[in-house]
Amino acid sequence: STFPEVRENQVGLYVGLIASSFALAQFATNFFWGWISDRIGRKPVILLGTLLTAASFVAFGFCRTLWQAIIVQMVMGLVNGNQGVVATCLGEINDRSNQSRAFTYLPVVYGIGGITGPIVGGLLVFKNNPFNHSKPNPYPYLLPNLFSAAILCLDLVLSMLFLEESLDEAKYLPPLGKRVENLFSWLWQFTSST
């Protein structure tokens, strides 16, 4: 409702458009991220997805127009390949004896995020400048997005420290830094050739 081009009676339509742009972009790239994770390993894809999603959250907090918000949400969906790769990783690090219990926790964690995310987000929105209450806040949604990015940065650090590579073929791959470098080289060559 704070975007200048949005009329009050169309807020629901545009909220749905923003959310759908994320889901559509994520749907379009899930197979790509799965394919990449088979080539360079699960851990680099999870780390890259977490880092880029955190950056997208920060960018979303600075959006001032509807189209900026839609584009940032699309970018966030494109770079967030973690959902499928995390499920694959979870299946690989558990054996048959505890796989069903492990997969039960995945939707529970997503559900907790779906419940607490909007609550925390709503509490951290400030329509007026928190330092000068008489002025409107130019970025009322920045704080919840910074909070989300901070959680993702904590997740990034914990994943770097404690997440083990679950792809069996990864032991024959070069070190993580070289795999990420190879990924960017391949992406550069692929986009340059087209």
N, C-alpha and C. Protein backbone atom coordinates (compact mmCIF):
# COMPACT_ATOMS: atom_id res chain seq x y z
N SER A 1 0.82 -1.22 0.00
CA SER A 1 0.00 0.00 0.00
C SER A 1 0.85 1.27 0.00
N THR A 2 2.13 1.17 0.36
CA THR A 2 2.98 2.36 0.38
C THR A 2 3.61 2.65 -0.97
N PHE A 3 3.50 1.73 -1.92
CA PHE A 3 4.05 2.00 -3.24
C PHE A 3 3.19 3.02 -3.95
N PRO A 4 3.81 4.00 -4.62
CA PRO A 4 3.02 5.11 -5.20
C PRO A 4 2.06 4.69 -6.30
N GLU A 5 2.36 3.65 -7.06
CA GLU A 5 1.50 3.29 -8.18
C GLU A 5 0.37 2.33 -7.81
N VAL A 6 0.26 1.95 -6.53
CA VAL A 6 -0.76 1.00 -6.10
C VAL A 6 -1.97 1.73 -5.57
N ARG A 7 -3.14 1.43 -6.16
CA ARG A 7 -4.39 1.99 -5.64
C ARG A 7 -4.87 1.13 -4.48
N GLU A 8 -5.56 1.74 -3.56
CA GLU A 8 -5.94 1.07 -2.32
C GLU A 8 -6.80 -0.17 -2.55
N ASN A 9 -7.67 -0.14 -3.56
CA ASN A 9 -8.54 -1.28 -3.79
C ASN A 9 -7.83 -2.42 -4.52
N GLN A 10 -6.55 -2.25 -4.88
CA GLN A 10 -5.81 -3.30 -5.59
C GLN A 10 -4.63 -3.84 -4.79
N VAL A 11 -4.57 -3.55 -3.50
CA VAL A 11 -3.44 -3.99 -2.68
C VAL A 11 -3.35 -5.51 -2.67
N GLY A 12 -4.46 -6.21 -2.49
CA GLY A 12 -4.45 -7.67 -2.45
C GLY A 12 -3.93 -8.27 -3.74
N LEU A 13 -4.31 -7.70 -4.87
CA LEU A 13 -3.84 -8.18 -6.17
C LEU A 13 -2.33 -8.09 -6.27
N TYR A 14 -1.78 -6.96 -5.85
CA TYR A 14 -0.35 -6.76 -5.98
C TYR A 14 0.45 -7.55 -4.95
N VAL A 15 -0.11 -7.76 -3.77
CA VAL A 15 0.56 -8.64 -2.79
C VAL A 15 0.65 -10.05 -3.37
N GLY A 16 -0.44 -10.50 -3.98
CA GLY A 16 -0.43 -11.81 -4.62
C GLY A 16 0.55 -11.87 -5.78
N LEU A 17 0.66 -10.79 -6.54
CA LEU A 17 1.59 -10.74 -7.66
C LEU A 17 3.04 -10.83 -7.18
N ILE A 18 3.35 -10.13 -6.10
CA ILE A 18 4.71 -10.18 -5.54
C ILE A 18 5.03 -11.59 -5.06
N ALA A 19 4.11 -12.20 -4.30
CA ALA A 19 4.34 -13.54 -3.78
C ALA A 19 4.43 -14.57 -4.92
N SER A 20 3.57 -14.43 -5.92
CA SER A 20 3.58 -15.37 -7.04
C SER A 20 4.84 -15.24 -7.88
N SER A 21 5.39 -14.04 -7.99
CA SER A 21 6.61 -13.88 -8.78
C SER A 21 7.76 -14.66 -8.15
N PHE A 22 7.81 -14.68 -6.82
CA PHE A 22 8.83 -15.48 -6.12
C PHE A 22 8.61 -16.96 -6.40
N ALA A 23 7.39 -17.43 -6.21
CA ALA A 23 7.09 -18.85 -6.37
C ALA A 23 7.33 -19.32 -7.80
N LEU A 24 6.94 -18.51 -8.78
CA LEU A 24 7.14 -18.88 -10.18
C LEU A 24 8.63 -18.95 -10.52
N ALA A 25 9.40 -17.99 -10.06
CA ALA A 25 10.84 -18.00 -10.34
C ALA A 25 11.52 -19.18 -9.65
N GLN A 26 11.10 -19.49 -8.43
CA GLN A 26 11.68 -20.64 -7.73
C GLN A 26 11.31 -21.94 -8.44
N PHE A 27 10.08 -22.04 -8.89
CA PHE A 27 9.63 -23.21 -9.63
C PHE A 27 10.45 -23.39 -10.91
N ALA A 28 10.76 -22.29 -11.57
CA ALA A 28 11.47 -22.35 -12.85
C ALA A 28 12.92 -22.78 -12.69
N THR A 29 13.52 -22.59 -11.52
CA THR A 29 14.95 -22.89 -11.36
C THR A 29 15.23 -24.06 -10.44
N ASN A 30 14.24 -24.72 -9.87
CA ASN A 30 14.49 -25.84 -8.97
C ASN A 30 15.28 -26.95 -9.64
N PHE A 31 14.95 -27.31 -10.87
CA PHE A 31 15.68 -28.36 -11.56
C PHE A 31 17.12 -27.93 -11.85
N PHE A 32 17.30 -26.65 -12.18
CA PHE A 32 18.66 -26.15 -12.43
C PHE A 32 19.52 -26.30 -11.18
N TRP A 33 19.00 -25.89 -10.02
CA TRP A 33 19.78 -25.98 -8.80
C TRP A 33 20.06 -27.44 -8.42
N GLY A 34 19.10 -28.32 -8.67
CA GLY A 34 19.34 -29.74 -8.43
C GLY A 34 20.44 -30.28 -9.34
N TRP A 35 20.41 -29.87 -10.61
CA TRP A 35 21.43 -30.30 -11.56
C TRP A 35 22.81 -29.78 -11.15
N ILE A 36 22.87 -28.51 -10.76
CA ILE A 36 24.14 -27.93 -10.32
C ILE A 36 24.64 -28.65 -9.07
N SER A 37 23.74 -28.98 -8.14
CA SER A 37 24.17 -29.66 -6.91
C SER A 37 24.72 -31.05 -7.20
N ASP A 38 24.27 -31.69 -8.29
CA ASP A 38 24.83 -32.97 -8.69
C ASP A 38 26.22 -32.81 -9.29
N ARG A 39 26.54 -31.63 -9.79
CA ARG A 39 27.83 -31.38 -10.43
C ARG A 39 28.88 -30.85 -9.45
N ILE A 40 28.48 -29.95 -8.56
CA ILE A 40 29.49 -29.32 -7.68
C ILE A 40 29.29 -29.68 -6.22
N GLY A 41 28.21 -30.37 -5.89
CA GLY A 41 27.96 -30.77 -4.51
C GLY A 41 26.80 -30.01 -3.91
N ARG A 42 26.27 -30.57 -2.84
CA ARG A 42 25.11 -29.97 -2.17
C ARG A 42 25.50 -28.74 -1.35
N LYS A 43 26.61 -28.84 -0.65
CA LYS A 43 27.01 -27.75 0.25
C LYS A 43 27.25 -26.43 -0.48
N PRO A 44 27.98 -26.39 -1.60
CA PRO A 44 28.17 -25.10 -2.26
C PRO A 44 26.86 -24.48 -2.74
N VAL A 45 25.92 -25.32 -3.20
CA VAL A 45 24.64 -24.79 -3.67
C VAL A 45 23.84 -24.23 -2.50
N ILE A 46 23.86 -24.93 -1.37
CA ILE A 46 23.14 -24.44 -0.19
C ILE A 46 23.76 -23.13 0.30
N LEU A 47 25.09 -23.06 0.34
CA LEU A 47 25.76 -21.84 0.80
C LEU A 47 25.49 -20.68 -0.15
N LEU A 48 25.60 -20.93 -1.45
CA LEU A 48 25.37 -19.87 -2.43
C LEU A 48 23.91 -19.40 -2.38
N GLY A 49 22.98 -20.35 -2.31
CA GLY A 49 21.56 -19.98 -2.23
C GLY A 49 21.25 -19.17 -0.99
N THR A 50 21.85 -19.54 0.14
CA THR A 50 21.62 -18.81 1.38
C THR A 50 22.17 -17.39 1.30
N LEU A 51 23.38 -17.26 0.77
CA LEU A 51 24.00 -15.93 0.64
C LEU A 51 23.20 -15.03 -0.29
N LEU A 52 22.83 -15.55 -1.46
CA LEU A 52 22.10 -14.74 -2.43
C LEU A 52 20.69 -14.41 -1.97
N THR A 53 20.07 -15.31 -1.22
CA THR A 53 18.74 -15.03 -0.67
C THR A 53 18.84 -13.93 0.39
N ALA A 54 19.87 -13.97 1.21
CA ALA A 54 20.07 -12.90 2.21
C ALA A 54 20.26 -11.56 1.52
N ALA A 55 21.05 -11.53 0.46
CA ALA A 55 21.25 -10.28 -0.29
C ALA A 55 19.93 -9.80 -0.90
N SER A 56 19.12 -10.74 -1.37
CA SER A 56 17.82 -10.38 -1.95
C SER A 56 16.88 -9.80 -0.89
N PHE A 57 16.93 -10.33 0.32
CA PHE A 57 16.11 -9.77 1.40
C PHE A 57 16.50 -8.33 1.67
N VAL A 58 17.80 -8.05 1.71
CA VAL A 58 18.25 -6.67 1.93
C VAL A 58 17.75 -5.77 0.79
N ALA A 59 17.89 -6.24 -0.44
CA ALA A 59 17.43 -5.45 -1.59
C ALA A 59 15.92 -5.21 -1.52
N PHE A 60 15.17 -6.22 -1.08
CA PHE A 60 13.71 -6.07 -0.98
C PHE A 60 13.33 -5.01 0.05
N GLY A 61 14.11 -4.89 1.10
CA GLY A 61 13.84 -3.87 2.11
C GLY A 61 13.99 -2.46 1.59
N PHE A 62 14.79 -2.29 0.54
CA PHE A 62 15.02 -0.96 -0.04
C PHE A 62 14.11 -0.65 -1.22
N CYS A 63 13.18 -1.53 -1.55
CA CYS A 63 12.28 -1.29 -2.68
C CYS A 63 11.33 -0.14 -2.36
N ARG A 64 11.16 0.74 -3.36
CA ARG A 64 10.26 1.88 -3.19
C ARG A 64 9.13 1.90 -4.20
N THR A 65 9.19 0.99 -5.19
CA THR A 65 8.11 0.91 -6.16
C THR A 65 7.67 -0.55 -6.29
N LEU A 66 6.49 -0.73 -6.82
CA LEU A 66 5.94 -2.07 -6.99
C LEU A 66 6.81 -2.91 -7.92
N TRP A 67 7.28 -2.33 -9.00
CA TRP A 67 8.06 -3.11 -9.96
C TRP A 67 9.42 -3.49 -9.41
N GLN A 68 10.00 -2.65 -8.57
CA GLN A 68 11.24 -3.03 -7.90
C GLN A 68 10.99 -4.25 -7.02
N ALA A 69 9.88 -4.23 -6.30
CA ALA A 69 9.55 -5.34 -5.40
C ALA A 69 9.33 -6.63 -6.18
N ILE A 70 8.64 -6.55 -7.31
CA ILE A 70 8.39 -7.75 -8.13
C ILE A 70 9.69 -8.29 -8.69
N ILE A 71 10.55 -7.42 -9.18
CA ILE A 71 11.82 -7.87 -9.76
C ILE A 71 12.71 -8.49 -8.69
N VAL A 72 12.78 -7.87 -7.51
CA VAL A 72 13.61 -8.42 -6.44
C VAL A 72 13.06 -9.77 -5.98
N GLN A 73 11.74 -9.90 -5.90
CA GLN A 73 11.16 -11.19 -5.52
C GLN A 73 11.44 -12.25 -6.58
N MET A 74 11.42 -11.87 -7.84
CA MET A 74 11.77 -12.83 -8.90
C MET A 74 13.22 -13.26 -8.78
N VAL A 75 14.11 -12.30 -8.53
CA VAL A 75 15.53 -12.63 -8.34
C VAL A 75 15.68 -13.54 -7.13
N MET A 76 14.97 -13.24 -6.05
CA MET A 76 15.04 -14.07 -4.86
C MET A 76 14.58 -15.50 -5.16
N GLY A 77 13.55 -15.65 -5.95
CA GLY A 77 13.10 -16.98 -6.33
C GLY A 77 14.09 -17.69 -7.23
N LEU A 78 14.74 -16.95 -8.12
CA LEU A 78 15.72 -17.56 -9.02
C LEU A 78 16.94 -18.08 -8.28
N VAL A 79 17.38 -17.36 -7.26
CA VAL A 79 18.61 -17.75 -6.54
C VAL A 79 18.35 -18.65 -5.34
N ASN A 80 17.08 -18.88 -5.00
CA ASN A 80 16.77 -19.68 -3.82
C ASN A 80 16.47 -21.11 -4.24
N GLY A 81 17.53 -21.86 -4.52
CA GLY A 81 17.36 -23.25 -4.89
C GLY A 81 17.51 -24.19 -3.72
N ASN A 82 17.45 -23.66 -2.52
CA ASN A 82 17.74 -24.46 -1.34
C ASN A 82 16.67 -25.48 -0.99
N GLN A 83 15.42 -25.20 -1.29
CA GLN A 83 14.35 -26.06 -0.81
C GLN A 83 14.52 -27.50 -1.31
N GLY A 84 14.70 -27.69 -2.59
CA GLY A 84 14.87 -29.03 -3.12
C GLY A 84 16.20 -29.65 -2.73
N VAL A 85 17.26 -28.85 -2.72
CA VAL A 85 18.59 -29.37 -2.39
C VAL A 85 18.66 -29.76 -0.92
N VAL A 86 18.01 -29.00 -0.04
CA VAL A 86 18.00 -29.35 1.39
C VAL A 86 17.28 -30.67 1.60
N ALA A 87 16.17 -30.87 0.90
CA ALA A 87 15.45 -32.14 1.03
C ALA A 87 16.31 -33.30 0.53
N THR A 88 17.03 -33.09 -0.57
CA THR A 88 17.93 -34.12 -1.08
C THR A 88 19.04 -34.41 -0.09
N CYS A 89 19.63 -33.36 0.45
CA CYS A 89 20.70 -33.50 1.44
C CYS A 89 20.20 -34.24 2.67
N LEU A 90 18.99 -33.91 3.10
CA LEU A 90 18.41 -34.56 4.26
C LEU A 90 18.22 -36.06 4.01
N GLY A 91 17.80 -36.41 2.82
CA GLY A 91 17.64 -37.82 2.48
C GLY A 91 18.96 -38.55 2.42
N GLU A 92 20.04 -37.85 2.02
CA GLU A 92 21.34 -38.49 1.91
C GLU A 92 22.06 -38.65 3.23
N ILE A 93 21.83 -37.76 4.18
CA ILE A 93 22.57 -37.86 5.44
C ILE A 93 21.86 -38.74 6.46
N ASN A 94 20.64 -39.17 6.17
CA ASN A 94 19.90 -40.06 7.07
C ASN A 94 19.81 -41.44 6.44
N ASP A 95 19.79 -42.45 7.30
CA ASP A 95 19.60 -43.79 6.78
C ASP A 95 18.12 -44.18 6.91
N ARG A 96 17.79 -45.36 6.47
CA ARG A 96 16.39 -45.81 6.45
C ARG A 96 15.76 -45.83 7.83
N SER A 97 16.55 -46.01 8.87
CA SER A 97 15.98 -46.14 10.21
C SER A 97 15.40 -44.83 10.73
N ASN A 98 15.94 -43.71 10.32
CA ASN A 98 15.44 -42.43 10.84
C ASN A 98 15.00 -41.46 9.75
N GLN A 99 14.90 -41.92 8.50
CA GLN A 99 14.52 -41.04 7.40
C GLN A 99 13.11 -40.51 7.55
N SER A 100 12.17 -41.35 7.95
CA SER A 100 10.78 -40.88 8.06
C SER A 100 10.65 -39.82 9.16
N ARG A 101 11.36 -40.01 10.25
CA ARG A 101 11.31 -39.00 11.31
C ARG A 101 11.97 -37.70 10.87
N ALA A 102 13.08 -37.79 10.13
CA ALA A 102 13.77 -36.59 9.66
C ALA A 102 12.90 -35.81 8.68
N PHE A 103 12.22 -36.51 7.78
CA PHE A 103 11.37 -35.82 6.81
C PHE A 103 10.10 -35.26 7.45
N THR A 104 9.75 -35.73 8.62
CA THR A 104 8.61 -35.15 9.34
C THR A 104 8.95 -33.75 9.84
N TYR A 105 10.21 -33.54 10.20
CA TYR A 105 10.62 -32.24 10.73
C TYR A 105 10.67 -31.15 9.67
N LEU A 106 10.91 -31.52 8.42
CA LEU A 106 11.05 -30.52 7.36
C LEU A 106 9.78 -29.66 7.20
N PRO A 107 8.59 -30.24 7.04
CA PRO A 107 7.40 -29.38 6.95
C PRO A 107 7.08 -28.67 8.27
N VAL A 108 7.48 -29.26 9.39
CA VAL A 108 7.27 -28.59 10.68
C VAL A 108 8.09 -27.31 10.74
N VAL A 109 9.34 -27.39 10.30
CA VAL A 109 10.21 -26.21 10.31
C VAL A 109 9.68 -25.16 9.34
N TYR A 110 9.24 -25.59 8.14
CA TYR A 110 8.66 -24.64 7.19
C TYR A 110 7.38 -24.01 7.77
N GLY A 111 6.60 -24.80 8.47
CA GLY A 111 5.38 -24.28 9.10
C GLY A 111 5.68 -23.25 10.18
N ILE A 112 6.68 -23.54 11.00
CA ILE A 112 7.08 -22.58 12.04
C ILE A 112 7.54 -21.26 11.39
N GLY A 113 8.30 -21.38 10.31
CA GLY A 113 8.72 -20.17 9.60
C GLY A 113 7.54 -19.42 9.00
N GLY A 114 6.57 -20.18 8.46
CA GLY A 114 5.39 -19.55 7.88
C GLY A 114 4.52 -18.85 8.91
N ILE A 115 4.58 -19.31 10.16
CA ILE A 115 3.80 -18.69 11.24
C ILE A 115 4.55 -17.51 11.85
N THR A 116 5.81 -17.73 12.20
CA THR A 116 6.57 -16.68 12.90
C THR A 116 7.03 -15.56 11.97
N GLY A 117 7.29 -15.89 10.68
CA GLY A 117 7.78 -14.87 9.75
C GLY A 117 6.85 -13.68 9.64
N PRO A 118 5.56 -13.88 9.32
CA PRO A 118 4.66 -12.73 9.23
C PRO A 118 4.47 -11.99 10.55
N ILE A 119 4.50 -12.72 11.67
CA ILE A 119 4.35 -12.06 12.98
C ILE A 119 5.53 -11.14 13.24
N VAL A 120 6.75 -11.69 13.09
CA VAL A 120 7.96 -10.88 13.31
C VAL A 120 8.02 -9.74 12.30
N GLY A 121 7.68 -10.05 11.05
CA GLY A 121 7.68 -9.01 10.02
C GLY A 121 6.72 -7.89 10.35
N GLY A 122 5.53 -8.23 10.80
CA GLY A 122 4.55 -7.21 11.15
C GLY A 122 4.98 -6.37 12.34
N LEU A 123 5.65 -6.98 13.30
CA LEU A 123 6.11 -6.23 14.47
C LEU A 123 7.26 -5.28 14.15
N LEU A 124 8.03 -5.59 13.12
CA LEU A 124 9.20 -4.78 12.81
C LEU A 124 8.97 -3.73 11.73
N VAL A 125 7.74 -3.60 11.24
CA VAL A 125 7.43 -2.58 10.25
C VAL A 125 7.17 -1.26 10.97
N PHE A 126 7.86 -0.22 10.54
CA PHE A 126 7.67 1.10 11.12
C PHE A 126 7.27 2.07 10.02
N LYS A 127 6.02 2.51 10.04
CA LYS A 127 5.54 3.47 9.02
C LYS A 127 6.20 4.83 9.21
N ASN A 128 6.45 5.19 10.47
CA ASN A 128 7.14 6.45 10.75
C ASN A 128 8.60 6.17 11.08
N ASN A 129 9.44 7.13 10.82
CA ASN A 129 10.86 7.00 11.11
C ASN A 129 11.05 6.71 12.60
N PRO A 130 11.72 5.60 12.97
CA PRO A 130 11.86 5.28 14.39
C PRO A 130 12.72 6.28 15.17
N PHE A 131 13.56 7.06 14.47
CA PHE A 131 14.41 8.04 15.13
C PHE A 131 13.78 9.42 15.19
N ASN A 132 12.87 9.70 14.27
CA ASN A 132 12.17 10.97 14.24
C ASN A 132 10.72 10.67 13.86
N HIS A 133 9.85 10.51 14.87
CA HIS A 133 8.49 10.02 14.67
C HIS A 133 7.61 10.96 13.84
N SER A 134 8.05 12.19 13.65
CA SER A 134 7.22 13.11 12.88
C SER A 134 7.39 12.92 11.37
N LYS A 135 8.46 12.23 10.95
CA LYS A 135 8.70 12.02 9.53
C LYS A 135 8.31 10.59 9.14
N PRO A 136 7.79 10.42 7.92
CA PRO A 136 7.50 9.05 7.47
C PRO A 136 8.81 8.29 7.19
N ASN A 137 8.74 7.00 7.37
CA ASN A 137 9.89 6.14 7.13
C ASN A 137 9.97 5.84 5.63
N PRO A 138 11.07 6.21 4.96
CA PRO A 138 11.16 5.95 3.52
C PRO A 138 11.26 4.45 3.20
N TYR A 139 11.71 3.66 4.14
CA TYR A 139 11.84 2.21 3.96
C TYR A 139 11.18 1.48 5.12
N PRO A 140 9.84 1.47 5.16
CA PRO A 140 9.16 0.88 6.32
C PRO A 140 9.37 -0.62 6.47
N TYR A 141 9.74 -1.31 5.39
CA TYR A 141 9.90 -2.77 5.45
C TYR A 141 11.36 -3.20 5.49
N LEU A 142 12.26 -2.26 5.72
CA LEU A 142 13.68 -2.59 5.75
C LEU A 142 14.04 -3.44 6.97
N LEU A 143 13.56 -3.09 8.14
CA LEU A 143 13.95 -3.79 9.36
C LEU A 143 13.55 -5.27 9.34
N PRO A 144 12.32 -5.65 8.95
CA PRO A 144 12.03 -7.09 8.90
C PRO A 144 12.89 -7.83 7.88
N ASN A 145 13.24 -7.16 6.80
CA ASN A 145 14.08 -7.80 5.80
C ASN A 145 15.53 -7.92 6.28
N LEU A 146 16.01 -6.93 7.01
CA LEU A 146 17.35 -7.04 7.60
C LEU A 146 17.39 -8.16 8.64
N PHE A 147 16.30 -8.29 9.40
CA PHE A 147 16.21 -9.37 10.39
C PHE A 147 16.26 -10.73 9.69
N SER A 148 15.52 -10.87 8.60
CA SER A 148 15.54 -12.12 7.83
C SER A 148 16.92 -12.39 7.25
N ALA A 149 17.57 -11.36 6.74
CA ALA A 149 18.91 -11.52 6.19
C ALA A 149 19.91 -11.90 7.29
N ALA A 150 19.73 -11.36 8.49
CA ALA A 150 20.61 -11.71 9.61
C ALA A 150 20.44 -13.19 9.98
N ILE A 151 19.21 -13.67 9.98
CA ILE A 151 18.97 -15.09 10.27
C ILE A 151 19.64 -15.95 9.19
N LEU A 152 19.53 -15.53 7.94
CA LEU A 152 20.17 -16.29 6.86
C LEU A 152 21.69 -16.24 6.97
N CYS A 153 22.24 -15.12 7.41
CA CYS A 153 23.70 -15.04 7.60
C CYS A 153 24.15 -15.97 8.73
N LEU A 154 23.36 -16.04 9.79
CA LEU A 154 23.66 -17.00 10.86
C LEU A 154 23.58 -18.42 10.32
N ASP A 155 22.56 -18.70 9.51
CA ASP A 155 22.42 -20.01 8.88
C ASP A 155 23.62 -20.29 7.98
N LEU A 156 24.09 -19.29 7.26
CA LEU A 156 25.25 -19.45 6.39
C LEU A 156 26.48 -19.86 7.19
N VAL A 157 26.73 -19.18 8.29
CA VAL A 157 27.90 -19.50 9.13
C VAL A 157 27.77 -20.91 9.71
N LEU A 158 26.59 -21.24 10.23
CA LEU A 158 26.39 -22.58 10.79
C LEU A 158 26.53 -23.66 9.72
N SER A 159 26.03 -23.38 8.52
CA SER A 159 26.16 -24.35 7.43
C SER A 159 27.61 -24.52 7.01
N MET A 160 28.36 -23.41 6.99
CA MET A 160 29.78 -23.51 6.63
C MET A 160 30.53 -24.35 7.65
N LEU A 161 30.17 -24.20 8.93
CA LEU A 161 30.89 -24.90 9.98
C LEU A 161 30.46 -26.35 10.16
N PHE A 162 29.15 -26.61 10.09
CA PHE A 162 28.65 -27.92 10.52
C PHE A 162 28.05 -28.78 9.42
N LEU A 163 27.68 -28.21 8.29
CA LEU A 163 27.06 -29.02 7.24
C LEU A 163 28.14 -29.79 6.49
N GLU A 164 27.96 -31.09 6.45
CA GLU A 164 28.90 -31.92 5.71
C GLU A 164 28.34 -32.18 4.32
N GLU A 165 29.23 -32.29 3.37
CA GLU A 165 28.83 -32.59 2.01
C GLU A 165 28.21 -33.98 1.96
N SER A 166 27.01 -34.09 1.39
CA SER A 166 26.32 -35.38 1.37
C SER A 166 26.42 -36.09 0.03
N LEU A 167 26.91 -35.42 -1.00
CA LEU A 167 27.06 -36.04 -2.31
C LEU A 167 28.28 -36.94 -2.29
N ASP A 168 28.08 -38.23 -2.52
CA ASP A 168 29.19 -39.19 -2.46
C ASP A 168 30.30 -38.85 -3.45
N GLU A 169 29.93 -38.39 -4.65
CA GLU A 169 30.92 -38.09 -5.67
C GLU A 169 31.75 -36.85 -5.34
N ALA A 170 31.33 -36.09 -4.32
CA ALA A 170 32.03 -34.84 -3.99
C ALA A 170 33.44 -35.10 -3.48
N LYS A 171 33.71 -36.30 -2.96
CA LYS A 171 35.07 -36.57 -2.48
C LYS A 171 36.08 -36.62 -3.62
N TYR A 172 35.57 -36.80 -4.86
CA TYR A 172 36.45 -36.81 -6.03
C TYR A 172 36.50 -35.44 -6.71
N LEU A 173 35.74 -34.48 -6.18
CA LEU A 173 35.71 -33.13 -6.76
C LEU A 173 36.80 -32.27 -6.15
N PRO A 174 37.16 -31.17 -6.81
CA PRO A 174 38.15 -30.25 -6.24
C PRO A 174 37.60 -29.61 -4.95
N PRO A 175 38.46 -28.89 -4.21
CA PRO A 175 37.99 -28.22 -2.99
C PRO A 175 36.84 -27.24 -3.28
N LEU A 176 36.11 -26.89 -2.23
CA LEU A 176 34.90 -26.07 -2.36
C LEU A 176 35.16 -24.77 -3.12
N GLY A 177 36.22 -24.06 -2.79
CA GLY A 177 36.52 -22.79 -3.46
C GLY A 177 36.71 -22.97 -4.96
N LYS A 178 37.38 -24.04 -5.35
CA LYS A 178 37.61 -24.31 -6.77
C LYS A 178 36.31 -24.69 -7.47
N ARG A 179 35.41 -25.41 -6.77
CA ARG A 179 34.12 -25.78 -7.36
C ARG A 179 33.27 -24.55 -7.62
N VAL A 180 33.26 -23.62 -6.67
CA VAL A 180 32.48 -22.39 -6.85
C VAL A 180 33.09 -21.56 -7.97
N GLU A 181 34.43 -21.51 -8.03
CA GLU A 181 35.10 -20.79 -9.12
C GLU A 181 34.75 -21.42 -10.47
N ASN A 182 34.74 -22.74 -10.54
CA ASN A 182 34.37 -23.44 -11.77
C ASN A 182 32.92 -23.14 -12.16
N LEU A 183 32.03 -23.06 -11.16
CA LEU A 183 30.63 -22.74 -11.44
C LEU A 183 30.51 -21.37 -12.08
N PHE A 184 31.20 -20.37 -11.52
CA PHE A 184 31.11 -19.03 -12.09
C PHE A 184 31.77 -18.96 -13.46
N SER A 185 32.85 -19.72 -13.67
CA SER A 185 33.48 -19.77 -14.99
C SER A 185 32.52 -20.38 -16.00
N TRP A 186 31.84 -21.46 -15.61
CA TRP A 186 30.88 -22.09 -16.51
C TRP A 186 29.73 -21.14 -16.82
N LEU A 187 29.20 -20.46 -15.78
CA LEU A 187 28.10 -19.51 -16.01
C LEU A 187 28.54 -18.38 -16.94
N TRP A 188 29.77 -17.89 -16.77
CA TRP A 188 30.29 -16.82 -17.63
C TRP A 188 30.38 -17.30 -19.07
N GLN A 189 30.91 -18.51 -19.26
CA GLN A 189 31.05 -19.06 -20.61
C GLN A 189 29.67 -19.31 -21.24
N PHE A 190 28.74 -19.82 -20.43
CA PHE A 190 27.40 -20.11 -20.94
C PHE A 190 26.69 -18.84 -21.37
N THR A 191 26.74 -17.80 -20.54
CA THR A 191 26.05 -16.56 -20.88
C THR A 191 26.77 -15.79 -21.98
N SER A 192 28.09 -15.92 -22.07
CA SER A 192 28.84 -15.22 -23.12
C SER A 192 28.59 -15.85 -24.48
N SER A 193 28.41 -17.16 -24.51
CA SER A 193 28.22 -17.84 -25.79
C SER A 193 26.84 -17.58 -26.38
N THR A 194 25.87 -17.24 -25.54
CA THR A 194 24.53 -16.98 -26.07
C THR A 194 24.39 -15.52 -26.43
